[in-house]
Amino acid sequence: MPTITHGFDWPDRFVVGTVGPPGSRTFYLQVRARTEILSVALEKQQSAALAEGIDEVLGELMAQEGNPFSVPSQTPEGLIDNEPLEQPVQEQFRVGALSLGWDPSTAQIVIEAVPVQEADTEEPAHTGAEPEEVLVVRIPVGAARAFAKRTREVVEAGRPLCPLCHLPMDSSAHVCEPPDEFR
């Protein structure tokens, strides 16, 4: 069966957002082009790694002599998006792997998300089988800078970290074992 590609070139909106309270949040990568909206679920760590990867790629591009792709050092004011996810959020798939690339011919960051590969009892998961579907989003450098900033803010908006054990604290009483240097 051929892979279904959900392709979005220069989408109207591309964000990471969450549904649910801190500690029970589900993270979504959501993209919209005109009236088409697609949402895929991903892990908090995947969101953070994607933002970090985008920042690294943009940093490398800025470091090139003369900044030939006009990569902004800060998020362009007009591209800041603090709006919630568009409702209703309907999960297309859960992300198993993300990849990040750069297309110099269009000066766009390229993000690909493939679903979690379910282990099939008849065929081992490591066979390299093509995914049933893939999300491919292509965004310009300014939008990529805005996406990374928002994603970092969403990731950091969760439960506060305990200053002693550095694990997330719930709203209930937090009990931890402080590290050896505090004993």
C-alpha atoms as a PDB file:
ATOM      1  CA  MET A   1       0.000   0.000   0.000  1.00  0.00           C
ATOM      2  CA  PRO A   2       1.473   3.411  -0.940  1.00  0.00           C
ATOM      3  CA  THR A   3       2.200   5.928   1.810  1.00  0.00           C
ATOM      4  CA  ILE A   4      -0.399   8.681   2.249  1.00  0.00           C
ATOM      5  CA  THR A   5       1.437  12.020   2.398  1.00  0.00           C
ATOM      6  CA  HIS A   6      -0.231  14.904   4.220  1.00  0.00           C
ATOM      7  CA  GLY A   7       1.782  17.731   2.659  1.00  0.00           C
ATOM      8  CA  PHE A   8       1.653  21.354   3.791  1.00  0.00           C
ATOM      9  CA  ASP A   9       3.811  23.904   1.950  1.00  0.00           C
ATOM     10  CA  TRP A  10       3.737  27.383   3.487  1.00  0.00           C
ATOM     11  CA  PRO A  11       0.802  26.559   5.835  1.00  0.00           C
ATOM     12  CA  ASP A  12      -1.323  29.322   7.327  1.00  0.00           C
ATOM     13  CA  ARG A  13      -0.597  27.995  10.826  1.00  0.00           C
ATOM     14  CA  PHE A  14       1.799  25.441  12.322  1.00  0.00           C
ATOM     15  CA  VAL A  15       1.986  25.084  16.113  1.00  0.00           C
ATOM     16  CA  VAL A  16       2.503  22.781  19.059  1.00  0.00           C
ATOM     17  CA  GLY A  17      -0.226  22.964  21.672  1.00  0.00           C
ATOM     18  CA  THR A  18      -1.711  20.882  24.441  1.00  0.00           C
ATOM     19  CA  VAL A  19      -5.030  19.560  25.644  1.00  0.00           C
ATOM     20  CA  GLY A  20      -5.538  18.829  29.337  1.00  0.00           C
ATOM     21  CA  PRO A  21      -4.159  20.087  32.644  1.00  0.00           C
ATOM     22  CA  PRO A  22      -0.422  20.070  33.516  1.00  0.00           C
ATOM     23  CA  GLY A  23       0.617  16.545  34.433  1.00  0.00           C
ATOM     24  CA  SER A  24      -2.007  15.073  32.107  1.00  0.00           C
ATOM     25  CA  ARG A  25      -1.408  17.109  28.970  1.00  0.00           C
ATOM     26  CA  THR A  26      -1.461  15.609  25.515  1.00  0.00           C
ATOM     27  CA  PHE A  27       0.809  17.414  23.063  1.00  0.00           C
ATOM     28  CA  TYR A  28      -0.287  18.002  19.481  1.00  0.00           C
ATOM     29  CA  LEU A  29       1.427  19.237  16.368  1.00  0.00           C
ATOM     30  CA  GLN A  30      -1.285  21.069  14.448  1.00  0.00           C
ATOM     31  CA  VAL A  31      -1.120  22.466  10.932  1.00  0.00           C
ATOM     32  CA  ARG A  32      -3.709  24.443   8.962  1.00  0.00           C
ATOM     33  CA  ALA A  33      -3.844  25.475   5.329  1.00  0.00           C
ATOM     34  CA  ARG A  34      -7.027  27.325   4.445  1.00  0.00           C
ATOM     35  CA  THR A  35      -9.819  25.070   5.774  1.00  0.00           C
ATOM     36  CA  GLU A  36      -7.732  21.883   6.105  1.00  0.00           C
ATOM     37  CA  ILE A  37      -6.559  21.166   9.663  1.00  0.00           C
ATOM     38  CA  LEU A  38      -4.456  18.179  10.682  1.00  0.00           C
ATOM     39  CA  SER A  39      -3.377  17.290  14.229  1.00  0.00           C
ATOM     40  CA  VAL A  40      -0.939  14.594  15.289  1.00  0.00           C
ATOM     41  CA  ALA A  41      -0.182  13.630  18.895  1.00  0.00           C
ATOM     42  CA  LEU A  42       3.409  13.609  20.104  1.00  0.00           C
ATOM     43  CA  GLU A  43       5.358  13.399  23.327  1.00  0.00           C
ATOM     44  CA  LYS A  44       6.539  16.400  25.318  1.00  0.00           C
ATOM     45  CA  GLN A  45      10.145  15.298  24.741  1.00  0.00           C
ATOM     46  CA  GLN A  46       9.563  15.094  20.984  1.00  0.00           C
ATOM     47  CA  SER A  47       8.172  18.642  21.037  1.00  0.00           C
ATOM     48  CA  ALA A  48      11.189  19.935  22.954  1.00  0.00           C
ATOM     49  CA  ALA A  49      13.637  18.097  20.681  1.00  0.00           C
ATOM     50  CA  LEU A  50      11.935  19.498  17.573  1.00  0.00           C
ATOM     51  CA  ALA A  51      12.208  23.077  18.869  1.00  0.00           C
ATOM     52  CA  GLU A  52      15.850  22.518  19.797  1.00  0.00           C
ATOM     53  CA  GLY A  53      16.607  21.016  16.389  1.00  0.00           C
ATOM     54  CA  ILE A  54      14.998  23.935  14.583  1.00  0.00           C
ATOM     55  CA  ASP A  55      17.009  26.400  16.681  1.00  0.00           C
ATOM     56  CA  GLU A  56      20.213  24.499  15.815  1.00  0.00           C
ATOM     57  CA  VAL A  57      19.480  24.528  12.078  1.00  0.00           C
ATOM     58  CA  LEU A  58      18.591  28.229  12.164  1.00  0.00           C
ATOM     59  CA  GLY A  59      21.731  28.984  14.172  1.00  0.00           C
ATOM     60  CA  GLU A  60      23.904  27.190  11.597  1.00  0.00           C
ATOM     61  CA  LEU A  61      22.213  29.086   8.767  1.00  0.00           C
ATOM     62  CA  MET A  62      22.695  32.432  10.540  1.00  0.00           C
ATOM     63  CA  ALA A  63      26.386  31.641  11.039  1.00  0.00           C
ATOM     64  CA  GLN A  64      26.923  31.376   7.281  1.00  0.00           C
ATOM     65  CA  GLU A  65      28.766  34.381   5.932  1.00  0.00           C
ATOM     66  CA  GLY A  66      26.307  37.131   5.129  1.00  0.00           C
ATOM     67  CA  ASN A  67      23.280  35.187   6.471  1.00  0.00           C
ATOM     68  CA  PRO A  68      22.219  34.391   2.872  1.00  0.00           C
ATOM     69  CA  PHE A  69      18.771  33.120   3.894  1.00  0.00           C
ATOM     70  CA  SER A  70      17.905  36.166   6.060  1.00  0.00           C
ATOM     71  CA  VAL A  71      17.386  34.042   9.166  1.00  0.00           C
ATOM     72  CA  PRO A  72      16.060  36.271  11.954  1.00  0.00           C
ATOM     73  CA  SER A  73      17.822  36.121  15.320  1.00  0.00           C
ATOM     74  CA  GLN A  74      14.540  36.765  17.153  1.00  0.00           C
ATOM     75  CA  THR A  75      10.947  35.789  16.478  1.00  0.00           C
ATOM     76  CA  PRO A  76       9.425  38.244  13.991  1.00  0.00           C
ATOM     77  CA  GLU A  77       6.681  40.186  15.815  1.00  0.00           C
ATOM     78  CA  GLY A  78       3.988  39.477  13.210  1.00  0.00           C
ATOM     79  CA  LEU A  79       4.536  35.716  13.431  1.00  0.00           C
ATOM     80  CA  ILE A  80       3.943  35.285  17.177  1.00  0.00           C
ATOM     81  CA  ASP A  81       1.040  32.870  17.727  1.00  0.00           C
ATOM     82  CA  ASN A  82      -0.240  32.454  21.277  1.00  0.00           C
ATOM     83  CA  GLU A  83      -3.677  31.181  20.331  1.00  0.00           C
ATOM     84  CA  PRO A  84      -4.900  27.758  21.535  1.00  0.00           C
ATOM     85  CA  LEU A  85      -5.178  24.772  19.240  1.00  0.00           C
ATOM     86  CA  GLU A  86      -8.076  24.920  16.827  1.00  0.00           C
ATOM     87  CA  GLN A  87     -10.995  22.827  18.056  1.00  0.00           C
ATOM     88  CA  PRO A  88     -12.040  20.135  17.847  1.00  0.00           C
ATOM     89  CA  VAL A  89      -8.635  18.444  17.965  1.00  0.00           C
ATOM     90  CA  GLN A  90      -8.929  15.190  16.038  1.00  0.00           C
ATOM     91  CA  GLU A  91      -5.801  13.054  16.218  1.00  0.00           C
ATOM     92  CA  GLN A  92      -4.730  11.776  12.789  1.00  0.00           C
ATOM     93  CA  PHE A  93      -1.987   9.608  14.322  1.00  0.00           C
ATOM     94  CA  ARG A  94       0.538   9.409  17.158  1.00  0.00           C
ATOM     95  CA  VAL A  95       4.043  10.409  16.087  1.00  0.00           C
ATOM     96  CA  GLY A  96       6.653   7.685  16.287  1.00  0.00           C
ATOM     97  CA  ALA A  97       9.508   9.577  14.650  1.00  0.00           C
ATOM     98  CA  LEU A  98      10.261  13.120  13.567  1.00  0.00           C
ATOM     99  CA  SER A  99      12.831  14.270  11.063  1.00  0.00           C
ATOM    100  CA  LEU A 100      14.061  17.759  10.347  1.00  0.00           C
ATOM    101  CA  GLY A 101      15.695  19.080   7.222  1.00  0.00           C
ATOM    102  CA  TRP A 102      16.588  22.167   5.234  1.00  0.00           C
ATOM    103  CA  ASP A 103      15.651  22.843   1.617  1.00  0.00           C
ATOM    104  CA  PRO A 104      18.015  25.531   0.279  1.00  0.00           C
ATOM    105  CA  SER A 105      16.124  25.739  -3.033  1.00  0.00           C
ATOM    106  CA  THR A 106      13.062  27.173  -1.250  1.00  0.00           C
ATOM    107  CA  ALA A 107      14.770  28.421   1.961  1.00  0.00           C
ATOM    108  CA  GLN A 108      12.395  26.323   4.061  1.00  0.00           C
ATOM    109  CA  ILE A 109      12.668  24.105   7.111  1.00  0.00           C
ATOM    110  CA  VAL A 110      11.137  20.696   6.376  1.00  0.00           C
ATOM    111  CA  ILE A 111       9.554  18.677   9.193  1.00  0.00           C
ATOM    112  CA  GLU A 112       8.387  15.112   8.693  1.00  0.00           C
ATOM    113  CA  ALA A 113       6.353  13.103  11.191  1.00  0.00           C
ATOM    114  CA  VAL A 114       5.595   9.405  10.817  1.00  0.00           C
ATOM    115  CA  PRO A 115       3.238   7.410  13.017  1.00  0.00           C
ATOM    116  CA  VAL A 116       4.230   4.902  15.637  1.00  0.00           C
ATOM    117  CA  GLN A 117       4.773   1.589  13.895  1.00  0.00           C
ATOM    118  CA  GLU A 118       2.605  -1.010  15.578  1.00  0.00           C
ATOM    119  CA  ALA A 119       4.396  -4.292  16.163  1.00  0.00           C
ATOM    120  CA  ASP A 120       2.845  -6.870  13.868  1.00  0.00           C
ATOM    121  CA  THR A 121       3.120 -10.440  15.052  1.00  0.00           C
ATOM    122  CA  GLU A 122       3.618 -11.660  11.483  1.00  0.00           C
ATOM    123  CA  GLU A 123       6.211  -9.069  10.476  1.00  0.00           C
ATOM    124  CA  PRO A 124       8.882  -7.694  12.828  1.00  0.00           C
ATOM    125  CA  ALA A 125       8.728  -3.915  13.411  1.00  0.00           C
ATOM    126  CA  HIS A 126      12.383  -3.470  12.356  1.00  0.00           C
ATOM    127  CA  THR A 127      11.843  -4.554   8.743  1.00  0.00           C
ATOM    128  CA  GLY A 128      11.947  -0.969   7.479  1.00  0.00           C
ATOM    129  CA  ALA A 129       8.397  -1.119   6.130  1.00  0.00           C
ATOM    130  CA  GLU A 130       7.047   2.121   4.706  1.00  0.00           C
ATOM    131  CA  PRO A 131       4.667   3.982   7.038  1.00  0.00           C
ATOM    132  CA  GLU A 132       0.991   4.086   6.131  1.00  0.00           C
ATOM    133  CA  GLU A 133       1.042   7.885   6.259  1.00  0.00           C
ATOM    134  CA  VAL A 134       3.425  10.780   6.803  1.00  0.00           C
ATOM    135  CA  LEU A 135       3.015  14.464   7.638  1.00  0.00           C
ATOM    136  CA  VAL A 136       5.369  16.791   5.731  1.00  0.00           C
ATOM    137  CA  VAL A 137       5.391  20.487   6.633  1.00  0.00           C
ATOM    138  CA  ARG A 138       7.556  23.101   4.908  1.00  0.00           C
ATOM    139  CA  ILE A 139       7.899  26.497   6.610  1.00  0.00           C
ATOM    140  CA  PRO A 140      10.037  29.584   5.992  1.00  0.00           C
ATOM    141  CA  VAL A 141      12.768  30.607   8.455  1.00  0.00           C
ATOM    142  CA  GLY A 142      10.733  33.315  10.241  1.00  0.00           C
ATOM    143  CA  ALA A 143       7.837  30.935  10.828  1.00  0.00           C
ATOM    144  CA  ALA A 144      10.320  28.293  12.005  1.00  0.00           C
ATOM    145  CA  ARG A 145      11.763  30.752  14.554  1.00  0.00           C
ATOM    146  CA  ALA A 146       8.228  31.526  15.805  1.00  0.00           C
ATOM    147  CA  PHE A 147       7.338  27.821  15.928  1.00  0.00           C
ATOM    148  CA  ALA A 148      10.416  26.971  18.019  1.00  0.00           C
ATOM    149  CA  LYS A 149       9.770  29.836  20.468  1.00  0.00           C
ATOM    150  CA  ARG A 150       6.140  28.885  21.003  1.00  0.00           C
ATOM    151  CA  THR A 151       7.016  25.204  21.365  1.00  0.00           C
ATOM    152  CA  ARG A 152       9.596  25.957  24.082  1.00  0.00           C
ATOM    153  CA  GLU A 153       7.002  28.050  25.934  1.00  0.00           C
ATOM    154  CA  VAL A 154       4.369  25.293  25.712  1.00  0.00           C
ATOM    155  CA  VAL A 155       6.823  22.662  26.966  1.00  0.00           C
ATOM    156  CA  GLU A 156       7.929  24.901  29.863  1.00  0.00           C
ATOM    157  CA  ALA A 157       4.320  25.704  30.857  1.00  0.00           C
ATOM    158  CA  GLY A 158       3.852  22.313  32.528  1.00  0.00           C
ATOM    159  CA  ARG A 159       4.267  21.398  36.153  1.00  0.00           C
ATOM    160  CA  PRO A 160       7.059  23.225  37.987  1.00  0.00           C
ATOM    161  CA  LEU A 161      10.231  21.260  38.698  1.00  0.00           C
ATOM    162  CA  CYS A 162      11.247  20.500  42.280  1.00  0.00           C
ATOM    163  CA  PRO A 163      14.400  22.476  43.116  1.00  0.00           C
ATOM    164  CA  LEU A 164      15.809  19.447  44.977  1.00  0.00           C
ATOM    165  CA  CYS A 165      15.067  16.369  42.852  1.00  0.00           C
ATOM    166  CA  HIS A 166      14.344  18.221  39.556  1.00  0.00           C
ATOM    167  CA  LEU A 167      11.256  16.086  38.914  1.00  0.00           C
ATOM    168  CA  PRO A 168       7.832  17.589  38.110  1.00  0.00           C
ATOM    169  CA  MET A 169       5.797  18.520  41.181  1.00  0.00           C
ATOM    170  CA  ASP A 170       2.096  17.670  41.273  1.00  0.00           C
ATOM    171  CA  SER A 171      -0.453  19.983  42.813  1.00  0.00           C
ATOM    172  CA  SER A 172      -0.616  17.581  45.754  1.00  0.00           C
ATOM    173  CA  ALA A 173       2.116  17.437  48.376  1.00  0.00           C
ATOM    174  CA  HIS A 174       5.456  16.629  46.748  1.00  0.00           C
ATOM    175  CA  VAL A 175       7.807  14.281  48.541  1.00  0.00           C
ATOM    176  CA  CYS A 176      11.248  13.699  47.124  1.00  0.00           C
ATOM    177  CA  GLU A 177      14.648  12.460  48.050  1.00  0.00           C
ATOM    178  CA  PRO A 178      17.083  15.361  47.727  1.00  0.00           C
ATOM    179  CA  PRO A 179      20.303  14.673  45.828  1.00  0.00           C
ATOM    180  CA  ASP A 180      23.329  13.549  47.894  1.00  0.00           C
ATOM    181  CA  GLU A 181      24.885  17.035  47.820  1.00  0.00           C
ATOM    182  CA  PHE A 182      21.910  18.331  49.876  1.00  0.00           C
ATOM    183  CA  ARG A 183      21.997  15.611  52.544  1.00  0.00           C
END
